[in-house]
Amino acid sequence: MKKVDLAERQKGITALVLLAVSYGFLALIPRYLNTSFPLFQQVYLRVFAGFVLSFILFRKSIDFNKLKKLPLKEWLLLALRAFIYYLLGVVLFTQALLLTKIGNVAFIGAIPMTAVLGFIILKERFTAKKFSLVFLSFLGVLSISIQNVSNTFVLGKGEIVALVSIFFVSLGFISRKWQSKALNDKEVAIFMLFFATIFIFIASLLKGEGLPLHNWHLGVFLALLLGGLLNVGVSFFMNYGFSRVDAVLAGNIIALDPVFASFFAFLVFKELPIPKEVVGGIVIITSAIMMGRLEAKQRS
């Protein structure tokens, strides 16, 4: 493997680890905002905050002359990815949390959908070792997520919504591979947030939620600011990482999300992890490291 390719791959892996960190903390924000805004409102407010902040932070990386000449196909693909990932993925996942038990949503979230789509859609190389490591990571996520084994899963509306959302979130991830290099990762991150804001805002109006004119206070502003910053991170790290790392490896790295979520829950809510959660975290980390080494060996 060329040194430049190896360096870019390592940067991509780092970005995906940071994506998992962002997801781990981002899960705390909807819990707080749910008391002030309905579903679509709180999501588009967080995404819009992310768009504004990303524009401020990344404005020097935007080539406006290039944007004027960008083919329609690139704009349509950006809009499609924003629609898939944010409106069909993020919104539906949040809705699933309101419809069913968190444990059931966590169970479905443990499905290695990104790796599966990497094998099926992107035609990435399938081996027994890769499958075993993906399955190992799946078991680790289950160990952290499932609290009551005797009453783990009942298929209902919430579970179906969660399954659909996981599919679209993963599709939003891997579809980065379909984009050309016409836009840099920061430009892609900015405009995905821009299109997502529009789509979710329209969905909010169609659902009859109205405008967010009430329930504003300092805590809400701070939560939206933090949520916006995290959305900047998610959008950038997602696009940066998936443009440099194979989807199967990326899926195993993103599986670190519940590890970081448990860590942040301990810091914020003083929720001490139980032994099975610690074991699950170790299993996920081990799987991600072994997958990374396997991918590097196959590329060399």
C-alpha atoms as a PDB file:
ATOM      1  CA  MET A   1       0.000   0.000   0.000  1.00  0.00           C
ATOM      2  CA  LYS A   2       1.358   3.445  -0.880  1.00  0.00           C
ATOM      3  CA  LYS A   3       2.355   5.607   2.069  1.00  0.00           C
ATOM      4  CA  VAL A   4       0.009   8.399   0.966  1.00  0.00           C
ATOM      5  CA  ASP A   5      -2.903   5.928   0.753  1.00  0.00           C
ATOM      6  CA  LEU A   6      -2.031   4.504   4.169  1.00  0.00           C
ATOM      7  CA  ALA A   7      -1.875   7.994   5.682  1.00  0.00           C
ATOM      8  CA  GLU A   8      -5.271   8.937   4.230  1.00  0.00           C
ATOM      9  CA  ARG A   9      -6.761   5.663   5.438  1.00  0.00           C
ATOM     10  CA  GLN A  10      -5.470   6.276   8.958  1.00  0.00           C
ATOM     11  CA  LYS A  11      -6.991   9.759   8.890  1.00  0.00           C
ATOM     12  CA  GLY A  12     -10.257   8.210   7.748  1.00  0.00           C
ATOM     13  CA  ILE A  13     -10.180   5.711  10.616  1.00  0.00           C
ATOM     14  CA  THR A  14      -9.523   8.548  13.084  1.00  0.00           C
ATOM     15  CA  ALA A  15     -12.477  10.469  11.637  1.00  0.00           C
ATOM     16  CA  LEU A  16     -14.743   7.433  12.095  1.00  0.00           C
ATOM     17  CA  VAL A  17     -13.647   7.027  15.723  1.00  0.00           C
ATOM     18  CA  LEU A  18     -14.520  10.707  16.247  1.00  0.00           C
ATOM     19  CA  LEU A  19     -17.841  10.036  14.503  1.00  0.00           C
ATOM     20  CA  ALA A  20     -18.565   7.311  17.060  1.00  0.00           C
ATOM     21  CA  VAL A  21     -17.615   9.749  19.848  1.00  0.00           C
ATOM     22  CA  SER A  22     -19.989  12.369  18.397  1.00  0.00           C
ATOM     23  CA  TYR A  23     -22.813   9.811  18.199  1.00  0.00           C
ATOM     24  CA  GLY A  24     -22.170   8.767  21.776  1.00  0.00           C
ATOM     25  CA  PHE A  25     -22.707  12.276  23.074  1.00  0.00           C
ATOM     26  CA  LEU A  26     -25.351  13.317  20.540  1.00  0.00           C
ATOM     27  CA  ALA A  27     -27.737  10.725  21.979  1.00  0.00           C
ATOM     28  CA  LEU A  28     -28.031  12.843  25.135  1.00  0.00           C
ATOM     29  CA  ILE A  29     -29.357  15.963  23.352  1.00  0.00           C
ATOM     30  CA  PRO A  30     -32.790  14.723  22.109  1.00  0.00           C
ATOM     31  CA  ARG A  31     -33.635  13.589  25.642  1.00  0.00           C
ATOM     32  CA  TYR A  32     -33.310  17.173  26.825  1.00  0.00           C
ATOM     33  CA  LEU A  33     -34.946  18.932  23.846  1.00  0.00           C
ATOM     34  CA  ASN A  34     -37.924  16.562  23.783  1.00  0.00           C
ATOM     35  CA  THR A  35     -39.556  18.557  26.587  1.00  0.00           C
ATOM     36  CA  SER A  36     -39.470  21.777  24.527  1.00  0.00           C
ATOM     37  CA  PHE A  37     -40.069  20.788  20.891  1.00  0.00           C
ATOM     38  CA  PRO A  38     -41.885  18.046  18.925  1.00  0.00           C
ATOM     39  CA  LEU A  39     -39.915  15.531  16.879  1.00  0.00           C
ATOM     40  CA  PHE A  40     -39.299  17.299  13.551  1.00  0.00           C
ATOM     41  CA  GLN A  41     -38.787  20.709  15.136  1.00  0.00           C
ATOM     42  CA  GLN A  42     -36.024  19.614  17.461  1.00  0.00           C
ATOM     43  CA  VAL A  43     -34.262  17.714  14.680  1.00  0.00           C
ATOM     44  CA  TYR A  44     -34.296  20.529  12.110  1.00  0.00           C
ATOM     45  CA  LEU A  45     -33.283  23.076  14.747  1.00  0.00           C
ATOM     46  CA  ARG A  46     -30.234  20.965  15.635  1.00  0.00           C
ATOM     47  CA  VAL A  47     -29.417  20.370  11.971  1.00  0.00           C
ATOM     48  CA  PHE A  48     -29.862  24.063  11.102  1.00  0.00           C
ATOM     49  CA  ALA A  49     -27.564  25.017  13.968  1.00  0.00           C
ATOM     50  CA  GLY A  50     -25.083  22.534  12.527  1.00  0.00           C
ATOM     51  CA  PHE A  51     -25.379  24.116   9.077  1.00  0.00           C
ATOM     52  CA  VAL A  52     -24.763  27.648  10.388  1.00  0.00           C
ATOM     53  CA  LEU A  53     -21.804  26.560  12.507  1.00  0.00           C
ATOM     54  CA  SER A  54     -20.313  24.440   9.709  1.00  0.00           C
ATOM     55  CA  PHE A  55     -20.565  27.380   7.324  1.00  0.00           C
ATOM     56  CA  ILE A  56     -18.762  29.594   9.841  1.00  0.00           C
ATOM     57  CA  LEU A  57     -16.079  27.011  10.609  1.00  0.00           C
ATOM     58  CA  PHE A  58     -15.521  25.759   7.047  1.00  0.00           C
ATOM     59  CA  ARG A  59     -16.239  28.898   4.987  1.00  0.00           C
ATOM     60  CA  LYS A  60     -12.590  29.235   3.900  1.00  0.00           C
ATOM     61  CA  SER A  61     -12.778  25.760   2.366  1.00  0.00           C
ATOM     62  CA  ILE A  62     -15.734  26.650   0.128  1.00  0.00           C
ATOM     63  CA  ASP A  63     -14.909  27.374  -3.513  1.00  0.00           C
ATOM     64  CA  PHE A  64     -17.898  29.442  -4.636  1.00  0.00           C
ATOM     65  CA  ASN A  65     -16.677  29.628  -8.240  1.00  0.00           C
ATOM     66  CA  LYS A  66     -16.593  25.843  -8.351  1.00  0.00           C
ATOM     67  CA  LEU A  67     -20.095  25.641  -6.900  1.00  0.00           C
ATOM     68  CA  LYS A  68     -21.471  27.713  -9.792  1.00  0.00           C
ATOM     69  CA  LYS A  69     -20.145  25.143 -12.263  1.00  0.00           C
ATOM     70  CA  LEU A  70     -21.029  22.043 -10.262  1.00  0.00           C
ATOM     71  CA  PRO A  71     -23.004  19.543 -12.369  1.00  0.00           C
ATOM     72  CA  LEU A  72     -26.666  19.064 -11.499  1.00  0.00           C
ATOM     73  CA  LYS A  73     -25.942  15.392 -10.806  1.00  0.00           C
ATOM     74  CA  GLU A  74     -23.685  16.336  -7.873  1.00  0.00           C
ATOM     75  CA  TRP A  75     -26.322  18.628  -6.363  1.00  0.00           C
ATOM     76  CA  LEU A  76     -29.008  15.963  -6.741  1.00  0.00           C
ATOM     77  CA  LEU A  77     -26.784  13.331  -5.119  1.00  0.00           C
ATOM     78  CA  LEU A  78     -26.055  15.657  -2.192  1.00  0.00           C
ATOM     79  CA  ALA A  79     -29.765  16.338  -1.744  1.00  0.00           C
ATOM     80  CA  LEU A  80     -30.576  12.635  -2.013  1.00  0.00           C
ATOM     81  CA  ARG A  81     -27.997  11.698   0.641  1.00  0.00           C
ATOM     82  CA  ALA A  82     -29.353  14.397   2.976  1.00  0.00           C
ATOM     83  CA  PHE A  83     -32.897  13.105   2.421  1.00  0.00           C
ATOM     84  CA  ILE A  84     -31.868   9.495   3.036  1.00  0.00           C
ATOM     85  CA  TYR A  85     -29.611  10.011   6.038  1.00  0.00           C
ATOM     86  CA  TYR A  86     -31.362  12.796   7.947  1.00  0.00           C
ATOM     87  CA  LEU A  87     -35.056  12.650   7.063  1.00  0.00           C
ATOM     88  CA  LEU A  88     -35.424   8.885   6.596  1.00  0.00           C
ATOM     89  CA  GLY A  89     -32.642   7.863   8.967  1.00  0.00           C
ATOM     90  CA  VAL A  90     -32.190  10.271  11.869  1.00  0.00           C
ATOM     91  CA  VAL A  91     -35.835  11.359  12.168  1.00  0.00           C
ATOM     92  CA  LEU A  92     -37.188   7.806  12.001  1.00  0.00           C
ATOM     93  CA  PHE A  93     -34.641   6.569  14.535  1.00  0.00           C
ATOM     94  CA  THR A  94     -35.688   9.329  16.938  1.00  0.00           C
ATOM     95  CA  GLN A  95     -39.332   8.420  16.320  1.00  0.00           C
ATOM     96  CA  ALA A  96     -38.590   4.780  17.098  1.00  0.00           C
ATOM     97  CA  LEU A  97     -37.228   5.790  20.499  1.00  0.00           C
ATOM     98  CA  LEU A  98     -40.608   7.401  21.243  1.00  0.00           C
ATOM     99  CA  LEU A  99     -42.631   4.411  20.059  1.00  0.00           C
ATOM    100  CA  THR A 100     -40.949   1.499  21.795  1.00  0.00           C
ATOM    101  CA  LYS A 101     -38.510   0.497  24.502  1.00  0.00           C
ATOM    102  CA  ILE A 102     -34.982   1.813  24.253  1.00  0.00           C
ATOM    103  CA  GLY A 103     -33.713  -1.752  24.664  1.00  0.00           C
ATOM    104  CA  ASN A 104     -35.562  -2.883  21.550  1.00  0.00           C
ATOM    105  CA  VAL A 105     -34.218   0.040  19.520  1.00  0.00           C
ATOM    106  CA  ALA A 106     -30.730  -0.696  20.827  1.00  0.00           C
ATOM    107  CA  PHE A 107     -31.132  -4.337  19.785  1.00  0.00           C
ATOM    108  CA  ILE A 108     -31.993  -3.318  16.216  1.00  0.00           C
ATOM    109  CA  GLY A 109     -29.261  -0.695  16.247  1.00  0.00           C
ATOM    110  CA  ALA A 110     -26.778  -3.481  16.913  1.00  0.00           C
ATOM    111  CA  ILE A 111     -27.474  -4.985  13.483  1.00  0.00           C
ATOM    112  CA  PRO A 112     -24.283  -4.423  11.403  1.00  0.00           C
ATOM    113  CA  MET A 113     -26.242  -2.860   8.548  1.00  0.00           C
ATOM    114  CA  THR A 114     -23.331  -0.745   7.269  1.00  0.00           C
ATOM    115  CA  ALA A 115     -21.150  -3.821   6.850  1.00  0.00           C
ATOM    116  CA  VAL A 116     -24.013  -5.749   5.223  1.00  0.00           C
ATOM    117  CA  LEU A 117     -24.606  -2.964   2.692  1.00  0.00           C
ATOM    118  CA  GLY A 118     -20.869  -2.778   2.105  1.00  0.00           C
ATOM    119  CA  PHE A 119     -20.886  -6.433   1.096  1.00  0.00           C
ATOM    120  CA  ILE A 120     -24.119  -6.289  -0.939  1.00  0.00           C
ATOM    121  CA  ILE A 121     -24.184  -2.831  -2.566  1.00  0.00           C
ATOM    122  CA  LEU A 122     -20.528  -1.852  -2.727  1.00  0.00           C
ATOM    123  CA  LYS A 123     -19.418  -5.421  -3.499  1.00  0.00           C
ATOM    124  CA  GLU A 124     -16.628  -5.288  -0.924  1.00  0.00           C
ATOM    125  CA  ARG A 125     -14.654  -8.499  -0.523  1.00  0.00           C
ATOM    126  CA  PHE A 126     -16.429 -11.039   1.688  1.00  0.00           C
ATOM    127  CA  THR A 127     -14.331 -13.424   3.783  1.00  0.00           C
ATOM    128  CA  ALA A 128     -15.015 -15.701   6.725  1.00  0.00           C
ATOM    129  CA  LYS A 129     -12.662 -13.637   8.897  1.00  0.00           C
ATOM    130  CA  LYS A 130     -14.470 -10.393   8.081  1.00  0.00           C
ATOM    131  CA  PHE A 131     -17.834 -12.005   8.800  1.00  0.00           C
ATOM    132  CA  SER A 132     -16.622 -13.378  12.136  1.00  0.00           C
ATOM    133  CA  LEU A 133     -15.284  -9.964  13.205  1.00  0.00           C
ATOM    134  CA  VAL A 134     -18.523  -8.221  12.198  1.00  0.00           C
ATOM    135  CA  PHE A 135     -20.477 -10.839  14.169  1.00  0.00           C
ATOM    136  CA  LEU A 136     -18.126 -10.399  17.143  1.00  0.00           C
ATOM    137  CA  SER A 137     -18.792  -6.654  17.112  1.00  0.00           C
ATOM    138  CA  PHE A 138     -22.536  -7.364  16.898  1.00  0.00           C
ATOM    139  CA  LEU A 139     -22.324  -9.506  20.047  1.00  0.00           C
ATOM    140  CA  GLY A 140     -20.405  -6.761  21.819  1.00  0.00           C
ATOM    141  CA  VAL A 141     -23.061  -4.162  21.004  1.00  0.00           C
ATOM    142  CA  LEU A 142     -25.779  -6.548  22.199  1.00  0.00           C
ATOM    143  CA  SER A 143     -23.915  -7.051  25.469  1.00  0.00           C
ATOM    144  CA  ILE A 144     -23.967  -3.306  26.094  1.00  0.00           C
ATOM    145  CA  SER A 145     -27.442  -2.548  24.738  1.00  0.00           C
ATOM    146  CA  ILE A 146     -29.669  -5.343  26.048  1.00  0.00           C
ATOM    147  CA  GLN A 147     -30.695  -4.874  29.666  1.00  0.00           C
ATOM    148  CA  ASN A 148     -33.384  -7.538  30.071  1.00  0.00           C
ATOM    149  CA  VAL A 149     -32.685 -10.761  28.168  1.00  0.00           C
ATOM    150  CA  SER A 150     -35.990 -12.382  29.172  1.00  0.00           C
ATOM    151  CA  ASN A 151     -37.997  -9.516  27.676  1.00  0.00           C
ATOM    152  CA  THR A 152     -35.740  -8.389  24.885  1.00  0.00           C
ATOM    153  CA  PHE A 153     -37.670  -8.133  21.692  1.00  0.00           C
ATOM    154  CA  VAL A 154     -41.237  -7.931  20.468  1.00  0.00           C
ATOM    155  CA  LEU A 155     -41.764  -6.901  16.849  1.00  0.00           C
ATOM    156  CA  GLY A 156     -44.095  -3.921  16.701  1.00  0.00           C
ATOM    157  CA  LYS A 157     -44.441  -0.560  14.967  1.00  0.00           C
ATOM    158  CA  GLY A 158     -41.537   0.993  16.863  1.00  0.00           C
ATOM    159  CA  GLU A 159     -39.231  -1.907  16.044  1.00  0.00           C
ATOM    160  CA  ILE A 160     -40.129  -1.757  12.348  1.00  0.00           C
ATOM    161  CA  VAL A 161     -39.482   1.999  12.288  1.00  0.00           C
ATOM    162  CA  ALA A 162     -36.117   1.428  13.988  1.00  0.00           C
ATOM    163  CA  LEU A 163     -35.138  -1.235  11.449  1.00  0.00           C
ATOM    164  CA  VAL A 164     -36.060   1.028   8.536  1.00  0.00           C
ATOM    165  CA  SER A 165     -34.144   3.927  10.076  1.00  0.00           C
ATOM    166  CA  ILE A 166     -30.984   1.834  10.536  1.00  0.00           C
ATOM    167  CA  PHE A 167     -31.126   0.870   6.878  1.00  0.00           C
ATOM    168  CA  PHE A 168     -31.358   4.489   5.726  1.00  0.00           C
ATOM    169  CA  VAL A 169     -28.665   5.719   8.126  1.00  0.00           C
ATOM    170  CA  SER A 170     -26.288   3.071   6.787  1.00  0.00           C
ATOM    171  CA  LEU A 171     -27.270   3.829   3.196  1.00  0.00           C
ATOM    172  CA  GLY A 172     -26.524   7.488   3.892  1.00  0.00           C
ATOM    173  CA  PHE A 173     -23.071   6.440   5.078  1.00  0.00           C
ATOM    174  CA  ILE A 174     -22.024   4.246   2.176  1.00  0.00           C
ATOM    175  CA  SER A 175     -23.523   6.522  -0.500  1.00  0.00           C
ATOM    176  CA  ARG A 176     -20.512   8.788   0.098  1.00  0.00           C
ATOM    177  CA  LYS A 177     -18.716   6.326  -2.170  1.00  0.00           C
ATOM    178  CA  TRP A 178     -20.998   7.350  -5.059  1.00  0.00           C
ATOM    179  CA  GLN A 179     -19.924  10.982  -5.001  1.00  0.00           C
ATOM    180  CA  SER A 180     -17.063  12.264  -7.087  1.00  0.00           C
ATOM    181  CA  LYS A 181     -14.198  14.417  -5.802  1.00  0.00           C
ATOM    182  CA  ALA A 182     -15.777  17.552  -7.243  1.00  0.00           C
ATOM    183  CA  LEU A 183     -16.518  18.742  -3.703  1.00  0.00           C
ATOM    184  CA  ASN A 184     -14.208  18.456  -0.727  1.00  0.00           C
ATOM    185  CA  ASP A 185     -15.404  16.805   2.497  1.00  0.00           C
ATOM    186  CA  LYS A 186     -16.145  20.115   4.221  1.00  0.00           C
ATOM    187  CA  GLU A 187     -18.280  21.319   1.314  1.00  0.00           C
ATOM    188  CA  VAL A 188     -20.185  18.023   1.287  1.00  0.00           C
ATOM    189  CA  ALA A 189     -20.741  18.274   5.057  1.00  0.00           C
ATOM    190  CA  ILE A 190     -22.066  21.847   4.810  1.00  0.00           C
ATOM    191  CA  PHE A 191     -24.508  21.236   1.994  1.00  0.00           C
ATOM    192  CA  MET A 192     -25.806  17.969   3.390  1.00  0.00           C
ATOM    193  CA  LEU A 193     -26.797  19.905   6.513  1.00  0.00           C
ATOM    194  CA  PHE A 194     -28.300  22.655   4.321  1.00  0.00           C
ATOM    195  CA  PHE A 195     -30.508  20.284   2.323  1.00  0.00           C
ATOM    196  CA  ALA A 196     -31.410  18.302   5.451  1.00  0.00           C
ATOM    197  CA  THR A 197     -32.643  21.468   7.189  1.00  0.00           C
ATOM    198  CA  ILE A 198     -34.946  22.224   4.265  1.00  0.00           C
ATOM    199  CA  PHE A 199     -36.332  18.688   4.022  1.00  0.00           C
ATOM    200  CA  ILE A 200     -37.001  18.303   7.751  1.00  0.00           C
ATOM    201  CA  PHE A 201     -38.478  21.810   8.036  1.00  0.00           C
ATOM    202  CA  ILE A 202     -40.932  21.044   5.231  1.00  0.00           C
ATOM    203  CA  ALA A 203     -41.806  17.719   6.880  1.00  0.00           C
ATOM    204  CA  SER A 204     -42.424  19.548  10.159  1.00  0.00           C
ATOM    205  CA  LEU A 205     -44.834  21.993   8.485  1.00  0.00           C
ATOM    206  CA  LEU A 206     -46.633  19.179   6.664  1.00  0.00           C
ATOM    207  CA  LYS A 207     -47.055  17.363   9.960  1.00  0.00           C
ATOM    208  CA  GLY A 208     -48.648  20.488  11.421  1.00  0.00           C
ATOM    209  CA  GLU A 209     -46.030  21.220  14.070  1.00  0.00           C
ATOM    210  CA  GLY A 210     -46.047  24.936  13.254  1.00  0.00           C
ATOM    211  CA  LEU A 211     -43.107  27.166  14.104  1.00  0.00           C
ATOM    212  CA  PRO A 212     -40.944  26.851  17.254  1.00  0.00           C
ATOM    213  CA  LEU A 213     -42.111  30.096  18.893  1.00  0.00           C
ATOM    214  CA  HIS A 214     -42.349  28.906  22.488  1.00  0.00           C
ATOM    215  CA  ASN A 215     -40.337  27.138  25.216  1.00  0.00           C
ATOM    216  CA  TRP A 216     -37.125  29.057  24.550  1.00  0.00           C
ATOM    217  CA  HIS A 217     -34.691  29.563  27.417  1.00  0.00           C
ATOM    218  CA  LEU A 218     -30.961  29.510  28.059  1.00  0.00           C
ATOM    219  CA  GLY A 219     -30.830  25.747  28.484  1.00  0.00           C
ATOM    220  CA  VAL A 220     -32.479  25.213  25.084  1.00  0.00           C
ATOM    221  CA  PHE A 221     -30.058  27.591  23.369  1.00  0.00           C
ATOM    222  CA  LEU A 222     -27.080  25.822  24.921  1.00  0.00           C
ATOM    223  CA  ALA A 223     -28.472  22.391  23.996  1.00  0.00           C
ATOM    224  CA  LEU A 224     -29.025  23.514  20.399  1.00  0.00           C
ATOM    225  CA  LEU A 225     -25.529  24.992  20.266  1.00  0.00           C
ATOM    226  CA  LEU A 226     -24.021  21.744  21.502  1.00  0.00           C
ATOM    227  CA  GLY A 227     -26.283  19.719  19.216  1.00  0.00           C
ATOM    228  CA  GLY A 228     -25.254  21.919  16.298  1.00  0.00           C
ATOM    229  CA  LEU A 229     -21.559  21.430  17.015  1.00  0.00           C
ATOM    230  CA  LEU A 230     -22.073  17.673  17.244  1.00  0.00           C
ATOM    231  CA  ASN A 231     -23.949  17.700  13.931  1.00  0.00           C
ATOM    232  CA  VAL A 232     -21.022  19.531  12.355  1.00  0.00           C
ATOM    233  CA  GLY A 233     -18.787  16.752  13.619  1.00  0.00           C
ATOM    234  CA  VAL A 234     -21.118  13.970  12.480  1.00  0.00           C
ATOM    235  CA  SER A 235     -21.546  15.394   8.977  1.00  0.00           C
ATOM    236  CA  PHE A 236     -17.844  16.067   8.455  1.00  0.00           C
ATOM    237  CA  PHE A 237     -16.447  12.910  10.062  1.00  0.00           C
ATOM    238  CA  MET A 238     -19.017  10.767   8.252  1.00  0.00           C
ATOM    239  CA  ASN A 239     -18.084  12.127   4.834  1.00  0.00           C
ATOM    240  CA  TYR A 240     -14.361  12.265   5.521  1.00  0.00           C
ATOM    241  CA  GLY A 241     -14.221   8.754   6.943  1.00  0.00           C
ATOM    242  CA  PHE A 242     -16.380   6.969   4.375  1.00  0.00           C
ATOM    243  CA  SER A 243     -14.483   8.571   1.496  1.00  0.00           C
ATOM    244  CA  ARG A 244     -11.277   6.887   2.737  1.00  0.00           C
ATOM    245  CA  VAL A 245     -12.268   3.675   4.541  1.00  0.00           C
ATOM    246  CA  ASP A 246     -14.113   0.579   3.305  1.00  0.00           C
ATOM    247  CA  ALA A 247     -17.684   0.294   4.578  1.00  0.00           C
ATOM    248  CA  VAL A 248     -17.157  -3.024   6.403  1.00  0.00           C
ATOM    249  CA  LEU A 249     -14.280  -1.668   8.480  1.00  0.00           C
ATOM    250  CA  ALA A 250     -16.127   1.626   8.956  1.00  0.00           C
ATOM    251  CA  GLY A 251     -19.161  -0.249  10.292  1.00  0.00           C
ATOM    252  CA  ASN A 252     -17.036  -1.968  12.935  1.00  0.00           C
ATOM    253  CA  ILE A 253     -15.519   1.353  13.999  1.00  0.00           C
ATOM    254  CA  ILE A 254     -18.913   3.065  14.265  1.00  0.00           C
ATOM    255  CA  ALA A 255     -19.999   0.172  16.508  1.00  0.00           C
ATOM    256  CA  LEU A 256     -17.875   1.910  19.153  1.00  0.00           C
ATOM    257  CA  ASP A 257     -20.800   4.334  19.528  1.00  0.00           C
ATOM    258  CA  PRO A 258     -22.428   2.527  22.518  1.00  0.00           C
ATOM    259  CA  VAL A 259     -19.032   2.331  24.225  1.00  0.00           C
ATOM    260  CA  PHE A 260     -18.716   6.116  24.125  1.00  0.00           C
ATOM    261  CA  ALA A 261     -22.420   6.540  24.955  1.00  0.00           C
ATOM    262  CA  SER A 262     -21.939   4.482  28.119  1.00  0.00           C
ATOM    263  CA  PHE A 263     -18.880   6.538  29.009  1.00  0.00           C
ATOM    264  CA  PHE A 264     -20.729   9.838  28.573  1.00  0.00           C
ATOM    265  CA  ALA A 265     -23.750   8.477  30.480  1.00  0.00           C
ATOM    266  CA  PHE A 266     -21.362   7.752  33.340  1.00  0.00           C
ATOM    267  CA  LEU A 267     -19.916  11.284  33.215  1.00  0.00           C
ATOM    268  CA  VAL A 268     -23.244  13.105  32.879  1.00  0.00           C
ATOM    269  CA  PHE A 269     -25.792  10.868  34.618  1.00  0.00           C
ATOM    270  CA  LYS A 270     -23.409   8.910  36.901  1.00  0.00           C
ATOM    271  CA  GLU A 271     -24.636   5.648  35.346  1.00  0.00           C
ATOM    272  CA  LEU A 272     -21.950   3.169  36.367  1.00  0.00           C
ATOM    273  CA  PRO A 273     -21.413   0.500  33.644  1.00  0.00           C
ATOM    274  CA  ILE A 274     -22.107  -3.068  34.757  1.00  0.00           C
ATOM    275  CA  PRO A 275     -19.630  -5.932  34.020  1.00  0.00           C
ATOM    276  CA  LYS A 276     -21.385  -7.158  30.864  1.00  0.00           C
ATOM    277  CA  GLU A 277     -21.212  -3.631  29.403  1.00  0.00           C
ATOM    278  CA  VAL A 278     -17.484  -3.458  30.122  1.00  0.00           C
ATOM    279  CA  VAL A 279     -16.985  -6.855  28.482  1.00  0.00           C
ATOM    280  CA  GLY A 280     -19.087  -5.761  25.496  1.00  0.00           C
ATOM    281  CA  GLY A 281     -16.975  -2.634  25.099  1.00  0.00           C
ATOM    282  CA  ILE A 282     -13.766  -4.656  25.132  1.00  0.00           C
ATOM    283  CA  VAL A 283     -15.206  -7.035  22.516  1.00  0.00           C
ATOM    284  CA  ILE A 284     -16.191  -4.141  20.200  1.00  0.00           C
ATOM    285  CA  ILE A 285     -12.811  -2.449  20.513  1.00  0.00           C
ATOM    286  CA  THR A 286     -10.998  -5.748  19.892  1.00  0.00           C
ATOM    287  CA  SER A 287     -13.138  -6.449  16.818  1.00  0.00           C
ATOM    288  CA  ALA A 288     -12.486  -2.980  15.376  1.00  0.00           C
ATOM    289  CA  ILE A 289      -8.721  -3.296  15.879  1.00  0.00           C
ATOM    290  CA  MET A 290      -8.601  -6.785  14.354  1.00  0.00           C
ATOM    291  CA  MET A 291     -10.725  -5.673  11.381  1.00  0.00           C
ATOM    292  CA  GLY A 292      -8.399  -2.733  10.808  1.00  0.00           C
ATOM    293  CA  ARG A 293      -5.365  -5.005  10.793  1.00  0.00           C
ATOM    294  CA  LEU A 294      -7.078  -7.481   8.482  1.00  0.00           C
ATOM    295  CA  GLU A 295      -8.031  -4.733   6.000  1.00  0.00           C
ATOM    296  CA  ALA A 296      -4.470  -3.336   6.086  1.00  0.00           C
ATOM    297  CA  LYS A 297      -3.009  -6.807   5.457  1.00  0.00           C
ATOM    298  CA  GLN A 298      -5.321  -7.425   2.509  1.00  0.00           C
ATOM    299  CA  ARG A 299      -4.418  -4.068   0.952  1.00  0.00           C
ATOM    300  CA  SER A 300      -0.657  -4.512   1.335  1.00  0.00           C
END
